Amino acid sequence: MNEQLDRAGGVLLGAAVGDALGVPYEFAPPFDGEPRMIGGGLGPYAPGEYSDDTQMAVCIAEVAATGADLTSPGTLEAIADRFIEWSRRGASDIGVSTRAVLGEVEPGPGSGARLAEAASRYLARTGRGGGNGGLMRTGVVALASLDDRDHTARAARAVCELTHADPVAGDSCVLWCEAVRVAVLEGRFDLVGGLDLLPAERRAAWTDWIERATSAAPSSFGRNGGSVKALQAAWAAITSTIDDEARGLGGDHLRDALVAAVHAGDDTDTVAAIAGALLGARWGASSVPEEYRAAVHGWPGLAGDDLVGLGELTVRRARPRSGR
């Protein structure tokens, strides 16, 4: 259990570290230098500060850490309220689709349903709703129901749909949350294992997308602002930097994979945050290099140890969701 708790604590920390490493290089072309947490970017951010990717994950985690069921209307309302308040009082940067949807809804009773309806209207009006804004924040969702993969899948899709209505965006969150769940419980990487949780008509496409990304160069998935390419770039960063279990241990693999994610270019902080959540889930908070853990921080005044504690608290307070 201690190892599993360490891995749970690594989810938010890994995401935040990837986020802060990618912040200075967002929308820059691929490069070969060593990424550093120097700040700047679109914020501009202080050195080590994470962006909206982790800020939104924290909104979810603060609700999940109460032991709430992330599929319930009341809990989705609480997350929606947190998103809306954050967008108005704490956000350092917000994606175009997310900003548009959050701007349509006031917090209060029924806000979860109203926000999801706004996301659906936005998709119908613009054809856009498949961006990576749901995927970037999704890893922590898995910590709320580690014992039940079906419940995790439902929660991943429901939380995604608060702002991103495209079913493919929801698929990406289902797959990534299932991978995080397996990594925390079993200490291994497995992205294809969640394919059966998707609608049958989209499984073949996702099988192909994952196969194309496995061990590929992350930079080959340019223009990674969409959920599919962001997932592919993050998975490519993880799988292209681990040759075997002997070579890819702990902090070495986590660091190498995050560097590869930033080197992918374009939406660097988001791709690295997505990768970081799964890397942290696999290798644990204890694998994160101390200089990263000490430097990372962000809204609403959290440091690296706080992020670890929030992930651990979510697991400790999670209520059993299945009889398994």
C-alpha atoms as a PDB file:
ATOM      1  CA  MET A   1       0.000   0.000   0.000  1.00  0.00           C
ATOM      2  CA  ASN A   2       2.850   2.408   0.704  1.00  0.00           C
ATOM      3  CA  GLU A   3       4.106   2.003  -2.857  1.00  0.00           C
ATOM      4  CA  GLN A   4       0.612   2.570  -4.223  1.00  0.00           C
ATOM      5  CA  LEU A   5       0.219   5.671  -2.072  1.00  0.00           C
ATOM      6  CA  ASP A   6       3.550   6.976  -3.353  1.00  0.00           C
ATOM      7  CA  ARG A   7       2.366   6.418  -6.909  1.00  0.00           C
ATOM      8  CA  ALA A   8      -0.943   8.144  -6.174  1.00  0.00           C
ATOM      9  CA  GLY A   9       0.987  11.096  -4.787  1.00  0.00           C
ATOM     10  CA  GLY A  10       2.982  11.215  -7.990  1.00  0.00           C
ATOM     11  CA  VAL A  11       0.000  11.911 -10.253  1.00  0.00           C
ATOM     12  CA  LEU A  12      -0.526  15.605  -9.512  1.00  0.00           C
ATOM     13  CA  LEU A  13       3.159  16.195  -8.807  1.00  0.00           C
ATOM     14  CA  GLY A  14       4.230  14.591 -12.089  1.00  0.00           C
ATOM     15  CA  ALA A  15       1.662  16.583 -14.023  1.00  0.00           C
ATOM     16  CA  ALA A  16       2.717  19.849 -12.384  1.00  0.00           C
ATOM     17  CA  VAL A  17       6.408  19.196 -12.997  1.00  0.00           C
ATOM     18  CA  GLY A  18       5.781  18.454 -16.671  1.00  0.00           C
ATOM     19  CA  ASP A  19       3.598  21.542 -16.893  1.00  0.00           C
ATOM     20  CA  ALA A  20       6.225  23.839 -15.351  1.00  0.00           C
ATOM     21  CA  LEU A  21       8.967  22.373 -17.552  1.00  0.00           C
ATOM     22  CA  GLY A  22       6.880  23.008 -20.649  1.00  0.00           C
ATOM     23  CA  VAL A  23       5.647  26.501 -19.764  1.00  0.00           C
ATOM     24  CA  PRO A  24       8.654  28.438 -21.108  1.00  0.00           C
ATOM     25  CA  TYR A  25       8.527  26.672 -24.485  1.00  0.00           C
ATOM     26  CA  GLU A  26       4.792  26.697 -25.271  1.00  0.00           C
ATOM     27  CA  PHE A  27       4.096  27.076 -28.996  1.00  0.00           C
ATOM     28  CA  ALA A  28       7.803  27.098 -29.775  1.00  0.00           C
ATOM     29  CA  PRO A  29       9.103  24.712 -32.455  1.00  0.00           C
ATOM     30  CA  PRO A  30      10.762  21.438 -31.422  1.00  0.00           C
ATOM     31  CA  PHE A  31      14.226  21.924 -29.936  1.00  0.00           C
ATOM     32  CA  ASP A  32      17.049  19.789 -28.545  1.00  0.00           C
ATOM     33  CA  GLY A  33      18.199  21.751 -25.499  1.00  0.00           C
ATOM     34  CA  GLU A  34      17.636  20.829 -21.869  1.00  0.00           C
ATOM     35  CA  PRO A  35      14.279  22.300 -20.756  1.00  0.00           C
ATOM     36  CA  ARG A  36      14.413  24.236 -17.528  1.00  0.00           C
ATOM     37  CA  MET A  37      11.767  25.690 -15.229  1.00  0.00           C
ATOM     38  CA  ILE A  38      12.646  29.276 -16.076  1.00  0.00           C
ATOM     39  CA  GLY A  39       9.106  30.616 -16.212  1.00  0.00           C
ATOM     40  CA  GLY A  40       7.896  33.055 -18.820  1.00  0.00           C
ATOM     41  CA  GLY A  41       5.633  31.558 -21.433  1.00  0.00           C
ATOM     42  CA  LEU A  42       2.082  32.823 -21.934  1.00  0.00           C
ATOM     43  CA  GLY A  43       1.529  33.795 -18.301  1.00  0.00           C
ATOM     44  CA  PRO A  44       4.103  35.111 -17.867  1.00  0.00           C
ATOM     45  CA  TYR A  45       4.950  32.617 -15.162  1.00  0.00           C
ATOM     46  CA  ALA A  46       7.509  32.649 -12.367  1.00  0.00           C
ATOM     47  CA  PRO A  47      10.265  30.015 -12.508  1.00  0.00           C
ATOM     48  CA  GLY A  48       8.773  26.677 -11.507  1.00  0.00           C
ATOM     49  CA  GLU A  49       5.176  27.893 -11.730  1.00  0.00           C
ATOM     50  CA  TYR A  50       2.637  25.574 -13.334  1.00  0.00           C
ATOM     51  CA  SER A  51      -0.121  26.743 -15.668  1.00  0.00           C
ATOM     52  CA  ASP A  52      -3.843  26.229 -16.228  1.00  0.00           C
ATOM     53  CA  ASP A  53      -3.263  22.526 -16.952  1.00  0.00           C
ATOM     54  CA  THR A  54      -2.443  21.803 -13.310  1.00  0.00           C
ATOM     55  CA  GLN A  55      -4.659  24.578 -11.952  1.00  0.00           C
ATOM     56  CA  MET A  56      -7.732  22.823 -13.382  1.00  0.00           C
ATOM     57  CA  ALA A  57      -6.502  19.467 -12.098  1.00  0.00           C
ATOM     58  CA  VAL A  58      -6.250  21.018  -8.644  1.00  0.00           C
ATOM     59  CA  CYS A  59      -9.879  22.197  -8.931  1.00  0.00           C
ATOM     60  CA  ILE A  60     -10.901  18.572  -9.517  1.00  0.00           C
ATOM     61  CA  ALA A  61      -8.592  17.211  -6.831  1.00  0.00           C
ATOM     62  CA  GLU A  62      -9.907  19.541  -4.152  1.00  0.00           C
ATOM     63  CA  VAL A  63     -13.392  18.121  -4.746  1.00  0.00           C
ATOM     64  CA  ALA A  64     -12.219  14.525  -5.191  1.00  0.00           C
ATOM     65  CA  ALA A  65     -10.262  14.676  -1.934  1.00  0.00           C
ATOM     66  CA  THR A  66     -13.538  14.988  -0.014  1.00  0.00           C
ATOM     67  CA  GLY A  67     -14.409  11.410  -0.987  1.00  0.00           C
ATOM     68  CA  ALA A  68     -17.081  12.550  -3.429  1.00  0.00           C
ATOM     69  CA  ASP A  69     -18.408  10.419  -6.273  1.00  0.00           C
ATOM     70  CA  LEU A  70     -17.165  12.178  -9.409  1.00  0.00           C
ATOM     71  CA  THR A  71     -20.096  10.894 -11.449  1.00  0.00           C
ATOM     72  CA  SER A  72     -22.803  12.396  -9.234  1.00  0.00           C
ATOM     73  CA  PRO A  73     -24.636  15.580 -10.288  1.00  0.00           C
ATOM     74  CA  GLY A  74     -23.793  17.286  -7.003  1.00  0.00           C
ATOM     75  CA  THR A  75     -20.096  16.567  -7.366  1.00  0.00           C
ATOM     76  CA  LEU A  76     -20.028  17.674 -10.995  1.00  0.00           C
ATOM     77  CA  GLU A  77     -21.743  20.862  -9.851  1.00  0.00           C
ATOM     78  CA  ALA A  78     -18.998  21.392  -7.261  1.00  0.00           C
ATOM     79  CA  ILE A  79     -16.294  20.898  -9.886  1.00  0.00           C
ATOM     80  CA  ALA A  80     -18.119  23.196 -12.312  1.00  0.00           C
ATOM     81  CA  ASP A  81     -18.390  25.903  -9.655  1.00  0.00           C
ATOM     82  CA  ARG A  82     -14.687  25.542  -8.908  1.00  0.00           C
ATOM     83  CA  PHE A  83     -13.824  25.841 -12.615  1.00  0.00           C
ATOM     84  CA  ILE A  84     -15.983  28.932 -13.038  1.00  0.00           C
ATOM     85  CA  GLU A  85     -14.622  30.684  -9.956  1.00  0.00           C
ATOM     86  CA  TRP A  86     -11.069  29.792 -10.978  1.00  0.00           C
ATOM     87  CA  SER A  87     -11.604  31.201 -14.472  1.00  0.00           C
ATOM     88  CA  ARG A  88     -12.646  34.531 -13.010  1.00  0.00           C
ATOM     89  CA  ARG A  89     -10.303  34.903 -10.063  1.00  0.00           C
ATOM     90  CA  GLY A  90      -7.319  32.587 -10.344  1.00  0.00           C
ATOM     91  CA  ALA A  91      -6.641  31.552 -13.916  1.00  0.00           C
ATOM     92  CA  SER A  92      -3.320  32.593 -15.381  1.00  0.00           C
ATOM     93  CA  ASP A  93      -4.233  31.339 -18.846  1.00  0.00           C
ATOM     94  CA  ILE A  94      -7.228  29.528 -20.335  1.00  0.00           C
ATOM     95  CA  GLY A  95      -7.663  27.677 -23.621  1.00  0.00           C
ATOM     96  CA  VAL A  96     -10.020  29.199 -26.169  1.00  0.00           C
ATOM     97  CA  SER A  97     -12.721  26.510 -25.957  1.00  0.00           C
ATOM     98  CA  THR A  98     -12.590  26.294 -22.176  1.00  0.00           C
ATOM     99  CA  ARG A  99     -12.818  30.069 -21.806  1.00  0.00           C
ATOM    100  CA  ALA A 100     -15.796  30.262 -24.141  1.00  0.00           C
ATOM    101  CA  VAL A 101     -17.729  27.551 -22.292  1.00  0.00           C
ATOM    102  CA  LEU A 102     -16.941  28.746 -18.772  1.00  0.00           C
ATOM    103  CA  GLY A 103     -17.930  32.279 -19.725  1.00  0.00           C
ATOM    104  CA  GLU A 104     -21.506  31.213 -20.433  1.00  0.00           C
ATOM    105  CA  VAL A 105     -22.364  29.816 -17.000  1.00  0.00           C
ATOM    106  CA  GLU A 106     -22.788  31.229 -13.511  1.00  0.00           C
ATOM    107  CA  PRO A 107     -21.954  29.103 -10.469  1.00  0.00           C
ATOM    108  CA  GLY A 108     -24.780  27.739  -8.369  1.00  0.00           C
ATOM    109  CA  PRO A 109     -27.435  25.027  -8.417  1.00  0.00           C
ATOM    110  CA  GLY A 110     -27.346  22.955 -11.580  1.00  0.00           C
ATOM    111  CA  SER A 111     -24.062  24.450 -12.776  1.00  0.00           C
ATOM    112  CA  GLY A 112     -22.645  21.052 -13.772  1.00  0.00           C
ATOM    113  CA  ALA A 113     -25.506  20.289 -16.134  1.00  0.00           C
ATOM    114  CA  ARG A 114     -25.579  23.865 -17.412  1.00  0.00           C
ATOM    115  CA  LEU A 115     -21.855  23.825 -18.102  1.00  0.00           C
ATOM    116  CA  ALA A 116     -22.062  20.523 -19.997  1.00  0.00           C
ATOM    117  CA  GLU A 117     -24.958  21.949 -22.030  1.00  0.00           C
ATOM    118  CA  ALA A 118     -22.864  25.019 -22.842  1.00  0.00           C
ATOM    119  CA  ALA A 119     -20.055  22.734 -23.997  1.00  0.00           C
ATOM    120  CA  SER A 120     -22.477  20.864 -26.261  1.00  0.00           C
ATOM    121  CA  ARG A 121     -23.761  24.125 -27.731  1.00  0.00           C
ATOM    122  CA  TYR A 122     -20.207  25.280 -28.353  1.00  0.00           C
ATOM    123  CA  LEU A 123     -19.433  22.054 -30.221  1.00  0.00           C
ATOM    124  CA  ALA A 124     -22.593  22.377 -32.307  1.00  0.00           C
ATOM    125  CA  ARG A 125     -21.903  26.033 -33.073  1.00  0.00           C
ATOM    126  CA  THR A 126     -18.184  25.848 -33.864  1.00  0.00           C
ATOM    127  CA  GLY A 127     -17.373  22.199 -34.529  1.00  0.00           C
ATOM    128  CA  ARG A 128     -14.710  22.501 -31.833  1.00  0.00           C
ATOM    129  CA  GLY A 129     -14.811  20.559 -28.592  1.00  0.00           C
ATOM    130  CA  GLY A 130     -12.100  17.988 -29.053  1.00  0.00           C
ATOM    131  CA  GLY A 131      -9.180  20.002 -27.729  1.00  0.00           C
ATOM    132  CA  ASN A 132      -6.754  18.735 -25.122  1.00  0.00           C
ATOM    133  CA  GLY A 133      -8.228  20.825 -22.296  1.00  0.00           C
ATOM    134  CA  GLY A 134     -10.094  17.864 -20.821  1.00  0.00           C
ATOM    135  CA  LEU A 135      -7.199  15.459 -21.164  1.00  0.00           C
ATOM    136  CA  MET A 136      -4.646  17.791 -19.571  1.00  0.00           C
ATOM    137  CA  ARG A 137      -6.434  17.725 -16.210  1.00  0.00           C
ATOM    138  CA  THR A 138      -7.837  14.195 -16.162  1.00  0.00           C
ATOM    139  CA  GLY A 139      -5.201  12.097 -14.369  1.00  0.00           C
ATOM    140  CA  VAL A 140      -6.379  12.892 -10.837  1.00  0.00           C
ATOM    141  CA  VAL A 141      -9.882  11.618 -11.672  1.00  0.00           C
ATOM    142  CA  ALA A 142      -8.552   8.052 -11.525  1.00  0.00           C
ATOM    143  CA  LEU A 143      -7.540   8.430  -7.870  1.00  0.00           C
ATOM    144  CA  ALA A 144     -11.146   8.766  -6.744  1.00  0.00           C
ATOM    145  CA  SER A 145     -12.168   5.224  -7.731  1.00  0.00           C
ATOM    146  CA  LEU A 146      -9.090   3.034  -8.054  1.00  0.00           C
ATOM    147  CA  ASP A 147     -11.107  -0.089  -7.239  1.00  0.00           C
ATOM    148  CA  ASP A 148     -13.565   0.264 -10.145  1.00  0.00           C
ATOM    149  CA  ARG A 149     -12.449   0.732 -13.754  1.00  0.00           C
ATOM    150  CA  ASP A 150     -15.983   1.208 -15.077  1.00  0.00           C
ATOM    151  CA  HIS A 151     -16.718   3.911 -12.539  1.00  0.00           C
ATOM    152  CA  THR A 152     -13.413   5.590 -13.348  1.00  0.00           C
ATOM    153  CA  ALA A 153     -14.310   5.596 -17.034  1.00  0.00           C
ATOM    154  CA  ARG A 154     -17.708   7.170 -16.361  1.00  0.00           C
ATOM    155  CA  ALA A 155     -16.139   9.816 -14.134  1.00  0.00           C
ATOM    156  CA  ALA A 156     -13.421  10.613 -16.679  1.00  0.00           C
ATOM    157  CA  ARG A 157     -15.970  11.217 -19.410  1.00  0.00           C
ATOM    158  CA  ALA A 158     -18.339  13.184 -17.180  1.00  0.00           C
ATOM    159  CA  VAL A 159     -15.639  15.560 -15.950  1.00  0.00           C
ATOM    160  CA  CYS A 160     -14.312  16.021 -19.479  1.00  0.00           C
ATOM    161  CA  GLU A 161     -17.787  16.816 -20.806  1.00  0.00           C
ATOM    162  CA  LEU A 162     -18.102  19.781 -18.460  1.00  0.00           C
ATOM    163  CA  THR A 163     -16.062  21.740 -21.007  1.00  0.00           C
ATOM    164  CA  HIS A 164     -15.320  19.437 -23.969  1.00  0.00           C
ATOM    165  CA  ALA A 165     -18.299  17.739 -25.608  1.00  0.00           C
ATOM    166  CA  ASP A 166     -16.597  15.915 -28.475  1.00  0.00           C
ATOM    167  CA  PRO A 167     -16.865  12.172 -27.694  1.00  0.00           C
ATOM    168  CA  VAL A 168     -13.283  11.646 -28.879  1.00  0.00           C
ATOM    169  CA  ALA A 169     -12.044  14.046 -26.197  1.00  0.00           C
ATOM    170  CA  GLY A 170     -13.986  11.983 -23.672  1.00  0.00           C
ATOM    171  CA  ASP A 171     -12.408   8.826 -25.062  1.00  0.00           C
ATOM    172  CA  SER A 172      -8.936  10.239 -24.499  1.00  0.00           C
ATOM    173  CA  CYS A 173      -9.760  10.933 -20.860  1.00  0.00           C
ATOM    174  CA  VAL A 174     -11.166   7.435 -20.373  1.00  0.00           C
ATOM    175  CA  LEU A 175      -8.020   5.857 -21.790  1.00  0.00           C
ATOM    176  CA  TRP A 176      -5.623   8.036 -19.826  1.00  0.00           C
ATOM    177  CA  CYS A 177      -7.476   7.627 -16.531  1.00  0.00           C
ATOM    178  CA  GLU A 178      -7.567   3.870 -16.932  1.00  0.00           C
ATOM    179  CA  ALA A 179      -3.821   3.908 -17.633  1.00  0.00           C
ATOM    180  CA  VAL A 180      -3.245   6.026 -14.504  1.00  0.00           C
ATOM    181  CA  ARG A 181      -5.438   3.687 -12.435  1.00  0.00           C
ATOM    182  CA  VAL A 182      -3.483   0.619 -13.591  1.00  0.00           C
ATOM    183  CA  ALA A 183      -0.149   2.363 -13.069  1.00  0.00           C
ATOM    184  CA  VAL A 184      -1.015   3.280  -9.473  1.00  0.00           C
ATOM    185  CA  LEU A 185      -2.394  -0.147  -8.586  1.00  0.00           C
ATOM    186  CA  GLU A 186      -0.044  -2.407 -10.528  1.00  0.00           C
ATOM    187  CA  GLY A 187       3.051  -0.329 -11.295  1.00  0.00           C
ATOM    188  CA  ARG A 188       2.991  -0.732 -15.069  1.00  0.00           C
ATOM    189  CA  PHE A 189       2.192   1.192 -18.235  1.00  0.00           C
ATOM    190  CA  ASP A 190      -0.819   0.016 -20.233  1.00  0.00           C
ATOM    191  CA  LEU A 191      -2.757   2.284 -22.574  1.00  0.00           C
ATOM    192  CA  VAL A 192      -4.443  -0.294 -24.800  1.00  0.00           C
ATOM    193  CA  GLY A 193      -5.947  -2.066 -21.804  1.00  0.00           C
ATOM    194  CA  GLY A 194      -8.679   0.549 -21.640  1.00  0.00           C
ATOM    195  CA  LEU A 195      -9.899   0.168 -25.203  1.00  0.00           C
ATOM    196  CA  ASP A 196     -12.829  -2.009 -24.133  1.00  0.00           C
ATOM    197  CA  LEU A 197     -14.139   0.939 -22.099  1.00  0.00           C
ATOM    198  CA  LEU A 198     -14.750   2.919 -25.297  1.00  0.00           C
ATOM    199  CA  PRO A 199     -17.727   2.643 -27.645  1.00  0.00           C
ATOM    200  CA  ALA A 200     -17.123  -0.238 -30.047  1.00  0.00           C
ATOM    201  CA  GLU A 201     -17.330   1.940 -33.144  1.00  0.00           C
ATOM    202  CA  ARG A 202     -14.265   3.996 -32.109  1.00  0.00           C
ATOM    203  CA  ARG A 203     -11.981   1.251 -30.777  1.00  0.00           C
ATOM    204  CA  ALA A 204     -10.323   0.499 -34.116  1.00  0.00           C
ATOM    205  CA  ALA A 205      -9.415   4.139 -34.650  1.00  0.00           C
ATOM    206  CA  TRP A 206      -7.951   4.431 -31.160  1.00  0.00           C
ATOM    207  CA  THR A 207      -6.016   1.179 -31.600  1.00  0.00           C
ATOM    208  CA  ASP A 208      -4.419   2.646 -34.706  1.00  0.00           C
ATOM    209  CA  TRP A 209      -3.681   5.994 -33.058  1.00  0.00           C
ATOM    210  CA  ILE A 210      -2.015   4.323 -30.083  1.00  0.00           C
ATOM    211  CA  GLU A 211       0.009   1.949 -32.253  1.00  0.00           C
ATOM    212  CA  ARG A 212       1.260   4.869 -34.346  1.00  0.00           C
ATOM    213  CA  ALA A 213       2.379   6.699 -31.215  1.00  0.00           C
ATOM    214  CA  THR A 214       4.088   3.824 -29.412  1.00  0.00           C
ATOM    215  CA  SER A 215       7.872   4.422 -29.435  1.00  0.00           C
ATOM    216  CA  ALA A 216       7.461   7.151 -32.066  1.00  0.00           C
ATOM    217  CA  ALA A 217       9.141  10.547 -31.991  1.00  0.00           C
ATOM    218  CA  PRO A 218       6.877  12.884 -29.983  1.00  0.00           C
ATOM    219  CA  SER A 219       7.588  15.716 -32.410  1.00  0.00           C
ATOM    220  CA  SER A 220       5.926  13.739 -35.198  1.00  0.00           C
ATOM    221  CA  PHE A 221       2.566  14.662 -33.653  1.00  0.00           C
ATOM    222  CA  GLY A 222       2.766  18.370 -34.362  1.00  0.00           C
ATOM    223  CA  ARG A 223      -0.167  20.723 -33.800  1.00  0.00           C
ATOM    224  CA  ASN A 224      -0.931  18.763 -30.654  1.00  0.00           C
ATOM    225  CA  GLY A 225      -3.670  21.013 -29.345  1.00  0.00           C
ATOM    226  CA  GLY A 226      -6.278  18.329 -30.050  1.00  0.00           C
ATOM    227  CA  SER A 227      -6.937  15.475 -27.671  1.00  0.00           C
ATOM    228  CA  VAL A 228      -5.814  12.724 -30.061  1.00  0.00           C
ATOM    229  CA  LYS A 229      -2.464  14.228 -30.981  1.00  0.00           C
ATOM    230  CA  ALA A 230      -1.800  15.397 -27.433  1.00  0.00           C
ATOM    231  CA  LEU A 231      -2.361  11.858 -26.183  1.00  0.00           C
ATOM    232  CA  GLN A 232      -0.167  10.473 -28.965  1.00  0.00           C
ATOM    233  CA  ALA A 233       2.648  12.922 -28.218  1.00  0.00           C
ATOM    234  CA  ALA A 234       2.521  12.162 -24.488  1.00  0.00           C
ATOM    235  CA  TRP A 235       2.435   8.396 -25.060  1.00  0.00           C
ATOM    236  CA  ALA A 236       5.261   8.667 -27.583  1.00  0.00           C
ATOM    237  CA  ALA A 237       7.348  10.582 -25.045  1.00  0.00           C
ATOM    238  CA  ILE A 238       6.815   7.837 -22.463  1.00  0.00           C
ATOM    239  CA  THR A 239       7.331   4.841 -24.732  1.00  0.00           C
ATOM    240  CA  SER A 240      10.227   6.211 -26.784  1.00  0.00           C
ATOM    241  CA  THR A 241      12.344   6.805 -23.681  1.00  0.00           C
ATOM    242  CA  ILE A 242      11.990   3.424 -22.002  1.00  0.00           C
ATOM    243  CA  ASP A 243      13.958   0.627 -23.657  1.00  0.00           C
ATOM    244  CA  ASP A 244      13.346  -2.015 -21.009  1.00  0.00           C
ATOM    245  CA  GLU A 245      12.595  -2.308 -17.320  1.00  0.00           C
ATOM    246  CA  ALA A 246      16.283  -2.307 -16.387  1.00  0.00           C
ATOM    247  CA  ARG A 247      16.992   0.901 -18.276  1.00  0.00           C
ATOM    248  CA  GLY A 248      13.800   2.795 -17.516  1.00  0.00           C
ATOM    249  CA  LEU A 249      13.782   2.983 -13.752  1.00  0.00           C
ATOM    250  CA  GLY A 250      12.177   5.719 -11.719  1.00  0.00           C
ATOM    251  CA  GLY A 251      13.531   9.215 -11.935  1.00  0.00           C
ATOM    252  CA  ASP A 252      15.677   8.535 -14.990  1.00  0.00           C
ATOM    253  CA  HIS A 253      12.721   7.544 -17.111  1.00  0.00           C
ATOM    254  CA  LEU A 254      10.458  10.241 -15.693  1.00  0.00           C
ATOM    255  CA  ARG A 255      13.004  12.941 -16.466  1.00  0.00           C
ATOM    256  CA  ASP A 256      13.834  11.595 -19.929  1.00  0.00           C
ATOM    257  CA  ALA A 257      10.180  11.266 -20.876  1.00  0.00           C
ATOM    258  CA  LEU A 258       9.298  14.782 -19.721  1.00  0.00           C
ATOM    259  CA  VAL A 259      12.215  16.196 -21.683  1.00  0.00           C
ATOM    260  CA  ALA A 260      10.975  14.304 -24.743  1.00  0.00           C
ATOM    261  CA  ALA A 261       7.464  15.677 -24.204  1.00  0.00           C
ATOM    262  CA  VAL A 262       8.734  19.254 -24.111  1.00  0.00           C
ATOM    263  CA  HIS A 263      10.878  18.588 -27.176  1.00  0.00           C
ATOM    264  CA  ALA A 264       7.670  17.701 -29.056  1.00  0.00           C
ATOM    265  CA  GLY A 265       7.046  21.432 -29.416  1.00  0.00           C
ATOM    266  CA  ASP A 266       3.749  23.313 -29.837  1.00  0.00           C
ATOM    267  CA  ASP A 267       1.565  22.827 -26.699  1.00  0.00           C
ATOM    268  CA  THR A 268       4.559  21.825 -24.617  1.00  0.00           C
ATOM    269  CA  ASP A 269       3.200  22.389 -21.125  1.00  0.00           C
ATOM    270  CA  THR A 270       0.042  20.414 -21.830  1.00  0.00           C
ATOM    271  CA  VAL A 271       1.736  17.434 -23.471  1.00  0.00           C
ATOM    272  CA  ALA A 272       4.283  17.287 -20.654  1.00  0.00           C
ATOM    273  CA  ALA A 273       1.543  17.603 -18.009  1.00  0.00           C
ATOM    274  CA  ILE A 274      -0.411  14.740 -19.576  1.00  0.00           C
ATOM    275  CA  ALA A 275       2.713  12.584 -19.717  1.00  0.00           C
ATOM    276  CA  GLY A 276       3.724  13.634 -16.208  1.00  0.00           C
ATOM    277  CA  ALA A 277       0.483  12.424 -14.640  1.00  0.00           C
ATOM    278  CA  LEU A 278       1.007   8.904 -16.002  1.00  0.00           C
ATOM    279  CA  LEU A 279       4.733   8.907 -15.283  1.00  0.00           C
ATOM    280  CA  GLY A 280       4.065   9.967 -11.703  1.00  0.00           C
ATOM    281  CA  ALA A 281       1.408   7.268 -11.403  1.00  0.00           C
ATOM    282  CA  ARG A 282       3.901   4.637 -12.558  1.00  0.00           C
ATOM    283  CA  TRP A 283       7.064   5.715 -10.776  1.00  0.00           C
ATOM    284  CA  GLY A 284       5.689   7.595  -7.762  1.00  0.00           C
ATOM    285  CA  ALA A 285       6.305  10.930  -6.128  1.00  0.00           C
ATOM    286  CA  SER A 286       9.564   9.609  -4.715  1.00  0.00           C
ATOM    287  CA  SER A 287      10.958   9.303  -8.257  1.00  0.00           C
ATOM    288  CA  VAL A 288      10.546  12.993  -9.068  1.00  0.00           C
ATOM    289  CA  PRO A 289      13.956  14.679  -8.978  1.00  0.00           C
ATOM    290  CA  GLU A 290      14.245  16.810  -5.857  1.00  0.00           C
ATOM    291  CA  GLU A 291      15.098  19.963  -7.790  1.00  0.00           C
ATOM    292  CA  TYR A 292      11.825  19.645  -9.682  1.00  0.00           C
ATOM    293  CA  ARG A 293       9.784  18.904  -6.569  1.00  0.00           C
ATOM    294  CA  ALA A 294      11.299  21.835  -4.685  1.00  0.00           C
ATOM    295  CA  ALA A 295      10.784  24.312  -7.519  1.00  0.00           C
ATOM    296  CA  VAL A 296       7.258  23.523  -8.713  1.00  0.00           C
ATOM    297  CA  HIS A 297       4.404  25.646  -7.388  1.00  0.00           C
ATOM    298  CA  GLY A 298       1.275  27.463  -8.456  1.00  0.00           C
ATOM    299  CA  TRP A 299      -2.330  28.488  -7.887  1.00  0.00           C
ATOM    300  CA  PRO A 300      -3.826  28.543  -5.292  1.00  0.00           C
ATOM    301  CA  GLY A 301      -0.517  28.700  -3.428  1.00  0.00           C
ATOM    302  CA  LEU A 302       0.500  25.039  -3.580  1.00  0.00           C
ATOM    303  CA  ALA A 303       4.037  23.637  -3.590  1.00  0.00           C
ATOM    304  CA  GLY A 304       5.271  20.225  -4.646  1.00  0.00           C
ATOM    305  CA  ASP A 305       4.637  18.557  -1.278  1.00  0.00           C
ATOM    306  CA  ASP A 306       1.108  19.983  -1.218  1.00  0.00           C
ATOM    307  CA  LEU A 307       0.354  18.366  -4.566  1.00  0.00           C
ATOM    308  CA  VAL A 308       1.610  15.021  -3.288  1.00  0.00           C
ATOM    309  CA  GLY A 309      -0.554  15.358  -0.194  1.00  0.00           C
ATOM    310  CA  LEU A 310      -3.639  16.206  -2.249  1.00  0.00           C
ATOM    311  CA  GLY A 311      -3.211  13.094  -4.381  1.00  0.00           C
ATOM    312  CA  GLU A 312      -2.673  10.898  -1.332  1.00  0.00           C
ATOM    313  CA  LEU A 313      -5.681  12.398   0.426  1.00  0.00           C
ATOM    314  CA  THR A 314      -7.889  11.658  -2.578  1.00  0.00           C
ATOM    315  CA  VAL A 315      -6.981   7.968  -2.360  1.00  0.00           C
ATOM    316  CA  ARG A 316      -7.309   7.806   1.424  1.00  0.00           C
ATOM    317  CA  ARG A 317     -10.793   9.311   1.372  1.00  0.00           C
ATOM    318  CA  ALA A 318     -12.075   7.477  -1.696  1.00  0.00           C
ATOM    319  CA  ARG A 319     -15.128   5.372  -0.956  1.00  0.00           C
ATOM    320  CA  PRO A 320     -15.366   1.833  -2.349  1.00  0.00           C
ATOM    321  CA  ARG A 321     -17.110   1.892  -5.722  1.00  0.00           C
ATOM    322  CA  SER A 322     -17.239  -1.851  -6.406  1.00  0.00           C
ATOM    323  CA  GLY A 323     -17.292  -5.186  -4.649  1.00  0.00           C
ATOM    324  CA  ARG A 324     -14.052  -6.338  -6.241  1.00  0.00           C
END
